[in-house]
């Protein structure tokens, strides 16, 4: 077996354990509590990696789910419009208060 063992998660942990690091391998040598997590991690076999010309680009093994496809664009823009309207009103009030304070201190700001 190569120093990397199986190219998947098991192989990576075998290398770590050879270096003396803490290993999640049990007494049987089996990886304990590992699970593939969609969109996060995947344990590829040597054969899978070989079929992909030994490329380790994550997107070749982990499927990305585009969550933007189910967004109602018009509804989202109307929500954002309302939020920005409130923010701009608050900004105008803060600006007015700030200009007033500077004027009261004798350091009027003229725009």
Protein backbone atom coordinates (compact mmCIF):
# COMPACT_ATOMS: atom_id res chain seq x y z
CA UNK A 1 0.00 0.00 0.00
CA UNK A 2 1.24 3.50 -0.75
CA UNK A 3 2.17 5.87 2.13
CA UNK A 4 -1.17 7.61 1.55
CA UNK A 5 -3.17 4.40 1.76
CA UNK A 6 -6.68 4.83 0.39
CA UNK A 7 -6.94 8.35 -1.04
CA UNK A 8 -10.17 8.90 0.92
CA UNK A 9 -10.42 10.01 4.54
CA UNK A 10 -9.00 6.71 5.80
CA UNK A 11 -5.76 7.28 3.89
CA UNK A 12 -5.35 10.78 5.28
CA UNK A 13 -5.79 9.50 8.84
CA UNK A 14 -3.33 6.64 8.24
CA UNK A 15 -0.67 9.20 7.34
CA UNK A 16 -1.47 11.23 10.45
CA UNK A 17 -1.22 8.17 12.67
CA UNK A 18 2.17 7.23 11.16
CA UNK A 19 3.43 10.67 12.22
CA UNK A 20 2.27 10.00 15.78
CA UNK A 21 -0.73 12.32 15.69
CA UNK A 22 -3.97 11.32 17.37
CA UNK A 23 -5.89 9.05 15.02
CA UNK A 24 -9.64 8.44 14.86
CA UNK A 25 -8.91 4.83 13.87
CA UNK A 26 -10.21 2.23 16.30
CA UNK A 27 -8.36 -0.87 17.48
CA UNK A 28 -9.70 -2.73 14.44
CA UNK A 29 -8.11 -0.16 12.13
CA UNK A 30 -11.52 0.98 10.92
CA UNK A 31 -12.40 4.64 10.83
CA UNK A 32 -14.91 5.38 13.58
CA UNK A 33 -17.78 7.90 13.32
CA UNK A 34 -16.87 9.20 9.86
CA UNK A 35 -19.76 10.17 7.61
CA UNK A 36 -19.86 11.84 4.22
CA UNK A 37 -21.60 15.19 4.65
CA UNK A 38 -23.34 16.54 1.53
CA UNK A 39 -21.78 19.79 0.27
CA UNK A 40 -19.00 19.52 2.89
CA UNK A 41 -16.94 16.33 2.72
CA UNK A 42 -16.72 13.05 0.83
CA UNK A 43 -14.42 10.09 1.20
CA UNK A 44 -13.35 9.15 -2.32
CA UNK A 45 -11.85 5.78 -3.13
CA UNK A 46 -8.56 5.41 -4.93
CA UNK A 47 -10.41 4.23 -8.05
CA UNK A 48 -12.68 7.31 -8.06
CA UNK A 49 -9.68 9.62 -7.82
CA UNK A 50 -7.83 7.69 -10.53
CA UNK A 51 -10.86 7.99 -12.86
CA UNK A 52 -10.70 11.77 -12.38
CA UNK A 53 -7.02 11.83 -13.39
CA UNK A 54 -5.95 12.14 -9.71
CA UNK A 55 -7.48 15.58 -9.46
CA UNK A 56 -8.29 16.55 -5.87
CA UNK A 57 -10.50 19.52 -6.74
CA UNK A 58 -13.37 19.31 -4.21
CA UNK A 59 -16.07 20.16 -6.76
CA UNK A 60 -15.29 16.92 -8.62
CA UNK A 61 -16.40 14.91 -5.59
CA UNK A 62 -18.74 17.14 -3.59
CA UNK A 63 -21.94 18.26 -5.29
CA UNK A 64 -22.86 21.91 -4.84
CA UNK A 65 -26.56 22.70 -4.48
CA UNK A 66 -27.51 26.10 -5.84
CA UNK A 67 -29.97 27.47 -3.31
CA UNK A 68 -30.47 30.68 -5.31
CA UNK A 69 -32.64 28.87 -7.86
CA UNK A 70 -35.63 28.82 -5.52
CA UNK A 71 -35.57 32.50 -4.58
CA UNK A 72 -38.43 34.71 -5.73
CA UNK A 73 -36.35 37.61 -7.06
CA UNK A 74 -39.21 40.14 -7.12
CA UNK A 75 -40.21 39.35 -3.52
CA UNK A 76 -36.60 39.50 -2.33
CA UNK A 77 -36.03 42.87 -4.02
CA UNK A 78 -39.19 44.30 -2.44
CA UNK A 79 -38.00 43.14 1.00
CA UNK A 80 -34.60 44.74 0.40
CA UNK A 81 -36.26 47.93 -0.84
CA UNK A 82 -38.18 48.20 2.44
CA UNK A 83 -35.07 47.50 4.55
CA UNK A 84 -33.00 50.09 2.68
CA UNK A 85 -35.79 52.65 2.94
CA UNK A 86 -35.74 52.30 6.74
CA UNK A 87 -31.93 52.42 6.84
CA UNK A 88 -31.81 55.59 4.72
CA UNK A 89 -34.44 57.26 6.92
CA UNK A 90 -32.41 56.38 10.02
CA UNK A 91 -29.24 57.68 8.33
CA UNK A 92 -30.95 61.01 7.51
CA UNK A 93 -32.10 61.42 11.14
CA UNK A 94 -28.61 60.59 12.45
CA UNK A 95 -27.04 63.04 10.02
CA UNK A 96 -29.43 65.81 11.12
CA UNK A 97 -28.66 65.11 14.81
CA UNK A 98 -24.90 65.07 14.18
CA UNK A 99 -24.96 68.38 12.30
CA UNK A 100 -27.01 69.91 15.14
CA UNK A 101 -24.54 68.74 17.82
CA UNK A 102 -21.54 70.12 15.94
CA UNK A 103 -23.35 73.47 15.50
CA UNK A 104 -24.17 73.62 19.25
CA UNK A 105 -20.49 72.99 20.05
CA UNK A 106 -19.51 75.91 17.84
CA UNK A 107 -18.11 73.79 15.03
CA UNK A 108 -20.88 74.01 12.46
CA UNK A 109 -20.51 71.82 9.44
CA UNK A 110 -21.83 73.39 6.25
CA UNK A 111 -22.58 71.13 3.34
